[in-house]
C-alpha atoms as a PDB file:
ATOM      1  CA  ALA A   1      28.141 -21.439 -39.926  1.00  0.00           C
ATOM      2  CA  CYS A   2      28.318 -20.593 -43.786  1.00  0.00           C
ATOM      3  CA  TRP A   3      25.265 -18.288 -44.831  1.00  0.00           C
ATOM      4  CA  ASP A   4      24.135 -18.030 -48.158  1.00  0.00           C
ATOM      5  CA  PHE A   5      22.219 -14.843 -49.417  1.00  0.00           C
ATOM      6  CA  GLU A   6      19.242 -14.510 -51.282  1.00  0.00           C
ATOM      7  CA  GLY A   7      17.926 -10.781 -52.652  1.00  0.00           C
ATOM      8  CA  VAL A   8      18.159  -9.651 -48.314  1.00  0.00           C
ATOM      9  CA  TYR A   9      17.292 -12.814 -46.499  1.00  0.00           C
ATOM     10  CA  ALA A  10      20.148 -15.028 -45.245  1.00  0.00           C
ATOM     11  CA  GLN A  11      19.980 -18.596 -44.522  1.00  0.00           C
ATOM     12  CA  SER A  12      22.697 -21.655 -43.494  1.00  0.00           C
ATOM     13  CA  ARG A  13      22.649 -25.416 -44.476  1.00  0.00           C
ATOM     14  CA  HIS A  14      24.322 -25.570 -41.170  1.00  0.00           C
ATOM     15  CA  ILE A  15      21.327 -24.647 -39.248  1.00  0.00           C
ATOM     16  CA  PRO A  16      18.528 -25.782 -40.642  1.00  0.00           C
ATOM     17  CA  GLY A  17      15.150 -23.559 -40.031  1.00  0.00           C
ATOM     18  CA  VAL A  18      17.078 -20.458 -39.985  1.00  0.00           C
ATOM     19  CA  ARG A  19      16.318 -17.301 -42.242  1.00  0.00           C
ATOM     20  CA  PHE A  20      16.702 -13.969 -41.611  1.00  0.00           C
ATOM     21  CA  ALA A  21      17.069 -10.655 -42.985  1.00  0.00           C
ATOM     22  CA  GLY A  22      21.296  -9.307 -43.667  1.00  0.00           C
ATOM     23  CA  LEU A  23      22.681  -7.279 -45.993  1.00  0.00           C
ATOM     24  CA  ILE A  24      26.729  -8.588 -47.219  1.00  0.00           C
ATOM     25  CA  HIS A  25      29.475  -6.802 -46.539  1.00  0.00           C
ATOM     26  CA  PRO A  26      33.089  -7.108 -46.557  1.00  0.00           C
ATOM     27  CA  GLY A  27      34.380  -9.152 -43.751  1.00  0.00           C
ATOM     28  CA  LEU A  28      37.694  -8.223 -41.982  1.00  0.00           C
ATOM     29  CA  ILE A  29      39.924  -8.930 -45.251  1.00  0.00           C
ATOM     30  CA  GLY A  30      37.609  -6.231 -46.761  1.00  0.00           C
ATOM     31  CA  THR A  31      38.646  -3.519 -44.205  1.00  0.00           C
ATOM     32  CA  ALA A  32      42.518  -4.919 -43.788  1.00  0.00           C
ATOM     33  CA  PRO A  33      44.957  -2.324 -43.206  1.00  0.00           C
ATOM     34  CA  SER A  34      47.518  -1.174 -45.404  1.00  0.00           C
ATOM     35  CA  GLN A  35      51.232  -2.976 -44.505  1.00  0.00           C
ATOM     36  CA  GLU A  36      52.713   1.053 -43.878  1.00  0.00           C
ATOM     37  CA  LEU A  37      49.452   1.264 -40.741  1.00  0.00           C
ATOM     38  CA  LEU A  38      49.724  -2.199 -39.596  1.00  0.00           C
ATOM     39  CA  ASP A  39      53.570  -1.537 -39.606  1.00  0.00           C
ATOM     40  CA  MET A  40      52.921   1.579 -37.443  1.00  0.00           C
ATOM     41  CA  TRP A  41      50.505  -0.300 -34.830  1.00  0.00           C
ATOM     42  CA  ASN A  42      52.771  -3.105 -34.704  1.00  0.00           C
ATOM     43  CA  SER A  43      55.662  -0.889 -33.739  1.00  0.00           C
ATOM     44  CA  ARG A  44      53.266   1.007 -31.332  1.00  0.00           C
ATOM     45  CA  GLU A  45      52.328  -2.717 -30.010  1.00  0.00           C
ATOM     46  CA  SER A  46      55.694  -3.906 -30.069  1.00  0.00           C
ATOM     47  CA  ALA A  47      56.817  -0.710 -27.646  1.00  0.00           C
ATOM     48  CA  LEU A  48      53.902  -1.237 -24.877  1.00  0.00           C
ATOM     49  CA  GLN A  49      54.675  -4.797 -24.483  1.00  0.00           C
ATOM     50  CA  SER A  50      57.653  -4.203 -23.901  1.00  0.00           C
ATOM     51  CA  THR A  51      56.724  -2.703 -20.989  1.00  0.00           C
ATOM     52  CA  VAL A  52      54.565  -5.353 -19.329  1.00  0.00           C
ATOM     53  CA  ASP A  53      55.365  -6.628 -15.599  1.00  0.00           C
ATOM     54  CA  THR A  54      57.612  -4.157 -15.436  1.00  0.00           C
ATOM     55  CA  PRO A  55      58.133  -0.597 -13.305  1.00  0.00           C
ATOM     56  CA  LYS A  56      57.550   1.139 -16.995  1.00  0.00           C
ATOM     57  CA  MET A  57      53.664  -0.534 -17.452  1.00  0.00           C
ATOM     58  CA  THR A  58      50.600   1.539 -17.959  1.00  0.00           C
ATOM     59  CA  THR A  59      47.593   1.197 -17.822  1.00  0.00           C
ATOM     60  CA  THR A  60      44.676   2.731 -19.428  1.00  0.00           C
ATOM     61  CA  CYS A  61      43.613   4.859 -17.271  1.00  0.00           C
ATOM     62  CA  ALA A  62      46.831   6.560 -17.287  1.00  0.00           C
ATOM     63  CA  HIS A  63      45.780   7.547 -20.785  1.00  0.00           C
ATOM     64  CA  MET A  64      42.232   7.856 -20.686  1.00  0.00           C
ATOM     65  CA  HIS A  65      42.187  11.704 -19.947  1.00  0.00           C
ATOM     66  CA  THR A  66      44.910  12.230 -23.035  1.00  0.00           C
ATOM     67  CA  ARG A  67      42.902   9.794 -25.712  1.00  0.00           C
ATOM     68  CA  PRO A  68      39.972   9.678 -27.219  1.00  0.00           C
ATOM     69  CA  LEU A  69      37.833   6.977 -26.599  1.00  0.00           C
END
């Protein structure tokens, strides 16, 4: 549904009769990472993905003691 904000209230023409107090936020585009950070994440995730279904595959439990939640 598309929501229209008027003051602090939101309502949608797609959901008639529903109106609630809401706040506008930047969404996904406003919080997208920089290209440098995205490249770093993709490199890390590719290395992890290459171990799936191999003896080198690790689980989250193997890292819980060293990684913050």
